[in-house]
Protein backbone atom coordinates (compact mmCIF):
# COMPACT_ATOMS: atom_id res chain seq x y z
CA MET A 1 0.00 0.00 0.00
CA LEU A 2 1.11 3.55 -0.69
CA THR A 3 1.39 5.63 2.42
CA SER A 4 0.24 9.21 2.72
CA THR A 5 3.86 10.24 3.16
CA LEU A 6 4.82 8.78 -0.20
CA LEU A 7 1.77 10.22 -1.90
CA ARG A 8 2.04 13.73 -0.47
CA PRO A 9 3.76 15.24 -3.53
CA THR A 10 2.52 12.62 -5.97
CA PHE A 11 -0.10 14.69 -7.78
CA ALA A 12 2.37 17.29 -9.06
CA ILE A 13 4.96 14.61 -9.76
CA ALA A 14 2.54 12.25 -11.46
CA ALA A 15 1.22 15.09 -13.58
CA ARG A 16 4.67 15.86 -14.89
CA ILE A 17 5.41 12.22 -15.65
CA LEU A 18 2.08 11.76 -17.42
CA ILE A 19 2.86 14.78 -19.58
CA ALA A 20 6.35 13.53 -20.31
CA SER A 21 5.11 10.07 -21.27
CA GLY A 22 2.46 11.39 -23.63
CA SER A 23 -0.53 10.34 -21.52
CA ALA A 24 -1.30 14.01 -21.00
CA LYS A 25 -0.78 17.04 -23.22
CA THR A 26 0.36 20.06 -21.24
CA TRP A 27 -0.03 21.50 -17.76
CA SER A 28 -2.32 24.26 -18.98
CA ASP A 29 -4.87 22.30 -21.00
CA MET A 30 -4.96 19.05 -19.05
CA PHE A 31 -4.37 19.88 -15.39
CA PHE A 32 -4.13 23.53 -14.41
CA PRO A 33 -5.75 25.82 -16.99
CA GLN A 34 -4.61 28.91 -15.12
CA PHE A 35 -1.33 27.57 -13.81
CA SER A 36 1.95 28.49 -15.48
CA TYR A 37 5.48 27.56 -14.59
CA SER A 38 8.76 29.07 -15.67
CA LYS A 39 10.48 27.70 -18.73
CA ARG A 40 14.08 28.05 -19.71
CA ALA A 41 14.54 31.21 -21.71
CA SER A 42 16.86 29.87 -24.41
CA GLN A 43 15.50 27.81 -27.27
CA GLU A 44 16.21 24.15 -27.79
CA LEU A 45 18.65 23.30 -30.56
CA SER A 46 18.72 20.24 -32.78
CA LYS A 47 21.51 17.70 -32.88
CA GLU A 48 22.38 18.86 -36.38
CA THR A 49 22.79 22.45 -35.17
CA PHE A 50 25.09 21.33 -32.37
CA LEU A 51 27.17 19.24 -34.78
CA GLU A 52 27.61 22.25 -37.05
CA ALA A 53 28.56 24.43 -34.09
CA LEU A 54 31.05 21.81 -32.83
CA ASP A 55 32.65 21.61 -36.29
CA MET A 56 33.10 25.38 -36.23
CA LEU A 57 34.49 25.25 -32.70
CA ASN A 58 36.97 22.55 -33.69
CA ASN A 59 38.13 24.66 -36.65
CA LEU A 60 38.76 27.61 -34.35
CA LEU A 61 40.75 25.42 -31.96
CA ARG A 62 42.79 23.98 -34.83
CA SER A 63 43.56 27.45 -36.22
CA GLN A 64 44.96 28.42 -32.81
CA GLY A 65 46.82 25.16 -32.27
CA GLU A 66 44.78 24.41 -29.14
CA ARG A 67 43.15 21.21 -27.89
CA ILE A 68 40.33 20.74 -25.43
CA THR A 69 38.73 17.71 -23.80
CA PHE A 70 35.16 18.28 -22.64
CA LEU A 71 33.21 15.94 -20.35
CA CYS A 72 29.57 16.22 -21.39
CA VAL A 73 26.62 15.44 -19.09
CA GLY A 74 22.90 16.22 -19.10
CA GLY A 75 20.80 16.65 -22.22
CA GLY A 76 23.82 16.66 -24.51
CA ALA A 77 24.81 13.18 -23.40
CA MET A 78 21.20 12.01 -23.63
CA MET A 79 21.08 13.25 -27.22
CA PHE A 80 24.51 12.32 -28.61
CA SER A 81 25.31 9.16 -26.68
CA LEU A 82 21.90 7.55 -26.21
CA GLY A 83 19.68 9.10 -28.85
CA ALA A 84 17.06 9.67 -26.14
CA ARG A 85 16.47 13.27 -27.19
CA ASN A 86 16.26 15.08 -30.51
CA GLN A 87 16.94 18.51 -29.04
CA THR A 88 18.42 20.15 -25.98
CA HIS A 89 19.19 23.66 -24.74
CA ASP A 90 22.94 23.38 -24.38
CA LEU A 91 25.87 21.07 -23.81
CA ASP A 92 26.56 20.90 -20.08
CA GLY A 93 29.93 19.76 -18.85
CA VAL A 94 33.42 20.46 -17.62
CA VAL A 95 36.79 20.93 -19.30
CA SER A 96 39.24 18.22 -18.23
CA VAL A 97 42.07 19.15 -20.63
CA GLY A 98 42.69 22.68 -21.87
CA SER A 99 41.32 26.07 -20.92
CA ARG A 100 37.73 26.60 -19.82
CA GLU A 101 38.07 30.31 -20.50
CA LEU A 102 39.19 29.59 -24.07
CA LEU A 103 36.28 27.22 -24.61
CA ASP A 104 33.78 29.79 -23.34
CA SER A 105 35.30 32.48 -25.56
CA LEU A 106 35.35 30.36 -28.70
CA ALA A 107 31.78 29.18 -28.06
CA GLU A 108 30.75 32.84 -28.08
CA ASP A 109 32.66 33.32 -31.35
CA VAL A 110 30.70 30.44 -32.87
CA ALA A 111 27.44 32.06 -31.71
CA ASP A 112 28.55 35.31 -33.37
CA LYS A 113 29.20 33.47 -36.65
CA PHE A 114 25.71 32.02 -36.51
CA LYS A 115 24.31 35.50 -35.92
CA GLU A 116 26.21 36.87 -38.92
CA GLU A 117 24.45 34.24 -41.03
CA GLY A 118 21.06 35.31 -39.71
CA ARG A 119 20.69 32.30 -37.43
CA SER A 120 20.37 32.08 -33.69
CA ILE A 121 22.36 30.09 -31.16
CA PRO A 122 22.87 31.30 -27.57
CA PRO A 123 26.41 32.38 -26.59
CA ASP A 124 26.35 29.85 -23.75
CA TRP A 125 25.40 26.90 -25.95
CA ILE A 126 28.28 25.17 -24.20
CA ASN A 127 27.59 25.51 -20.49
CA THR A 128 30.66 25.07 -18.30
CA GLN A 129 28.89 26.44 -15.21
CA VAL A 130 27.88 22.89 -14.36
CA ARG A 131 31.39 22.53 -12.93
CA GLU A 132 30.07 24.13 -9.74
CA ILE A 133 27.67 21.19 -9.36
CA MET A 134 30.14 18.51 -10.39
CA ARG A 135 32.85 19.92 -8.15
CA GLY A 136 31.04 18.48 -5.14
CA GLN A 137 30.85 15.04 -6.72
CA ASN A 138 33.63 12.48 -6.81
CA TYR A 139 33.32 11.91 -10.53
CA SER A 140 35.98 10.11 -12.52
CA ILE A 141 36.89 10.29 -16.18
CA SER A 142 36.05 6.58 -16.25
CA TYR A 143 32.39 7.63 -15.96
CA PHE A 144 32.63 9.03 -19.49
CA GLU A 145 33.18 7.52 -22.91
CA GLU A 146 33.70 8.48 -26.54
CA VAL A 147 30.84 8.00 -28.97
CA PRO A 148 31.70 6.74 -32.47
CA GLY A 149 31.01 9.32 -35.14
CA HIS A 150 31.38 12.25 -32.78
CA THR A 151 35.11 12.90 -32.80
CA TRP A 152 37.08 15.95 -33.90
CA SER A 153 40.76 16.69 -34.47
CA ASN A 154 41.26 19.28 -31.73
CA LEU A 155 38.08 18.85 -29.70
CA LYS A 156 37.56 15.68 -27.72
CA ILE A 157 34.16 15.15 -26.15
CA LEU A 158 33.54 12.33 -23.70
CA PHE A 159 29.91 11.66 -22.89
CA ALA A 160 28.60 10.51 -19.51
CA LYS A 161 27.76 6.82 -19.34
CA PRO A 162 24.06 5.95 -18.84
CA GLY A 163 24.57 4.78 -15.25
CA TYR A 164 26.30 8.02 -14.27
CA LEU A 165 23.64 10.12 -15.99
CA LEU A 166 20.95 8.23 -14.13
CA GLY A 167 22.78 8.58 -10.83
CA MET A 168 23.12 12.35 -11.29
CA LYS A 169 19.45 12.75 -12.14
CA CYS A 170 18.31 10.56 -9.23
CA GLN A 171 20.50 12.54 -6.85
CA ALA A 172 19.33 15.93 -8.14
CA MET A 173 15.70 14.74 -8.36
CA ARG A 174 14.35 17.82 -10.08
CA THR A 175 10.65 17.78 -10.92
CA GLY A 176 10.69 19.04 -14.49
CA LYS A 177 8.96 16.86 -17.04
CA LYS A 178 12.16 16.37 -19.05
CA ASP A 179 14.00 15.06 -16.01
CA PHE A 180 11.31 12.44 -15.40
CA ARG A 181 11.29 11.53 -19.06
CA ASP A 182 15.08 11.20 -18.97
CA ILE A 183 15.03 9.08 -15.81
CA SER A 184 12.40 6.76 -17.27
CA SER A 185 14.35 6.55 -20.55
CA LEU A 186 17.59 5.69 -18.77
CA ILE A 187 15.85 3.10 -16.62
CA GLY A 188 14.47 1.53 -19.78
CA ILE A 189 17.82 1.62 -21.60
CA LEU A 190 19.55 -0.03 -18.65
CA GLY A 191 16.77 -2.59 -18.18
CA ILE A 192 16.20 -1.69 -14.53
CA LYS A 193 13.00 -3.20 -13.12
CA THR A 194 13.56 -3.11 -9.36
CA VAL A 195 14.78 -0.61 -6.80
CA GLU A 196 17.53 -3.06 -5.86
CA ASP A 197 18.82 -3.07 -9.44
CA LEU A 198 18.59 0.72 -9.53
CA LYS A 199 20.60 1.07 -6.33
CA SER A 200 23.20 -1.33 -7.67
CA GLU A 201 23.51 0.56 -10.95
CA ILE A 202 23.79 4.09 -9.61
CA GLY A 203 25.61 3.14 -6.39
CA GLU A 204 28.87 3.08 -8.35
CA TYR A 205 28.46 6.76 -9.09
CA VAL A 206 26.49 8.43 -6.27
CA ASP A 207 25.74 7.88 -2.60
CA THR A 208 22.23 6.41 -2.57
CA ASN A 209 21.88 7.14 1.16
CA PHE A 210 21.09 10.74 0.20
CA ILE A 211 18.03 9.63 -1.76
CA GLY A 212 15.04 9.77 0.58
CA ASN A 213 11.86 7.68 0.81
CA GLN A 214 9.86 10.24 -1.14
CA GLU A 215 12.40 10.17 -3.97
CA TRP A 216 12.44 6.35 -4.05
CA ALA A 217 8.65 6.41 -4.41
CA ILE A 218 9.04 8.69 -7.41
CA LEU A 219 11.70 6.42 -8.87
CA LYS A 220 9.40 3.40 -8.47
CA LEU A 221 6.88 5.30 -10.55
CA CYS A 222 9.56 5.93 -13.18
CA ILE A 223 10.39 2.21 -13.24
CA ALA A 224 6.70 1.39 -13.69
CA TRP A 225 6.47 3.94 -16.46
CA ALA A 226 9.48 2.48 -18.26
CA PHE A 227 8.06 -1.05 -18.10
CA PRO A 228 4.23 -0.85 -17.98
CA GLY A 229 2.70 -3.93 -16.43
CA GLN A 230 6.07 -5.64 -16.02
CA THR A 231 7.15 -4.60 -12.53
CA GLU A 232 6.01 -4.84 -8.92
CA TYR A 233 5.41 -1.08 -8.91
CA GLU A 234 2.41 -1.06 -11.22
CA GLU A 235 0.22 0.31 -8.41
CA TYR A 236 2.27 3.53 -8.51
CA ARG A 237 1.46 4.00 -12.18
CA SER A 238 -2.18 3.13 -11.56
CA LYS A 239 -2.42 5.69 -8.75
CA ALA A 240 -0.91 8.36 -10.99
CA LYS A 241 -3.35 7.50 -13.78
CA GLN A 242 -6.29 7.58 -11.38
CA MET A 243 -5.31 11.04 -10.17
CA TYR A 244 -4.95 12.21 -13.74
CA ASP A 245 -8.39 10.89 -14.72
CA ARG A 246 -9.97 12.35 -11.59
CA LYS A 247 -8.40 15.78 -12.04
CA LYS A 248 -9.36 15.91 -15.69
CA LYS A 249 -13.04 16.10 -14.63
CA VAL A 250 -12.51 19.05 -12.27
CA SER A 251 -13.48 22.59 -13.29
CA ASP A 252 -10.99 25.32 -14.11
CA THR A 253 -10.48 26.33 -10.48
CA PRO A 254 -6.92 27.66 -10.36
CA LEU A 255 -4.32 26.00 -8.17
CA VAL A 256 -1.73 28.48 -6.97
CA SER A 257 0.84 25.93 -5.85
CA VAL A 258 1.36 22.28 -6.60
CA GLU A 259 4.75 21.80 -4.98
């Protein structure tokens, strides 16, 4: 049985997962007609756009005789390494070899070249600010790998392995719909069907003791969503679906807060 403690935040969480999975459309037309939440200001870019930008970046590095190794996490790794996304806002990561300042500067130069051609790409399309988050983690270069077909002469990009990506997302446990979609996708890719398997997979990368009961309940729902009808957590998915169906019949009374 699901306890009230586990279900306390489930409506908002379940709503986001239902949207991410395609069972619902959007917050505004399916759940909260008068509720809006902040979205990232910058637009999402396609894989093709990033590849073109990376080619330009590599050319700039080569012209200056410089080399950089970049450890990519987040949406960029989901897109390039796993094919789990078609678009993302930026390439998050840290510089392991070379100058971060140079990378930031050349990324801005690439954005300027796009602008000269009448196209738009944000100056921070490579986001090295994630280093502040990763600095507190004991990550290793062994958590990253090259992806065939995505290599350059002067720019080396190593993408986070699926288990490390999943560990980071479980530890951060943000409640955006893309994060739940990513977690469910990674669980599916790794074939994880139990909490024990999940702990074993991500335990190599993060301390699972910092993941609380509420978060484990959410992760059980993600497992159920990745493998409908195939896990012991089907009741979590059923509860989420029931709440969705029930809320769909409610009038347009605004909800100020769902957190």
